[in-house]
Amino acid sequence: MTKKSTKNYTVKLKAGIVIRHRGKVLLIRERNNRLHQYRWNIIKGTFEPGKDSSILETAVREAREEAGAKIKLKYFLAAYYLLDGQNALMMLTFVADLLDPRVGAPSPKLQSKYGSDNVIGVKLFTKKDLTKLKPKDFVGMRGYLAIQEYLKGTRFPLGMNKILPPK
């Protein structure tokens, strides 16, 4: 009889945001910790129950923390699941409009306050420029795939995300 190995994972809920502004999309230049190189990425981050009342709130908070971006969520784009070491990650990805074009990488001091020092730049890409980016240009596949879905025009109503009251 063969024994199946079981592995314990920590489940993490993530928000990803494709932010658009006047026909362009905002990407951040972020460190890929495995490769020790900087690559492009969408803004994304972890749902924190003490800070966020919903995954939608996580998306808004992460945009502010990672790029100083004030956004309005417009629609749901995609969901991605990934096993990453001891973590099982579920990322819900949204599309948002940028409300104020004054954005930028946070200062090292501000990034350390948020427990990160990975973002070194912010850039708006045209759709044509986005089509030229390859998977190797991104920190990981989640960001690349989200951009591909966005370029295809994938969209679902924000109302798909339901917040249930506590028991």
Foldseek 3Di string as FASTA:
>chain_A
DDDDDDAAADEWEKEFEFEDEPQWTKWFFWALVVVRHTFTFTFMDTDDVVQDPFNVRVHQVSCCLAKVFHWDWFFWQDWDWDDDPRYIYIYTYTYIYTPDPPIWGDDCVSQVVVVHRITHTMDIGHLVRLVPDDQVRHSHDVRNVSNVSVSVVGGDHPVVDDDDDDD
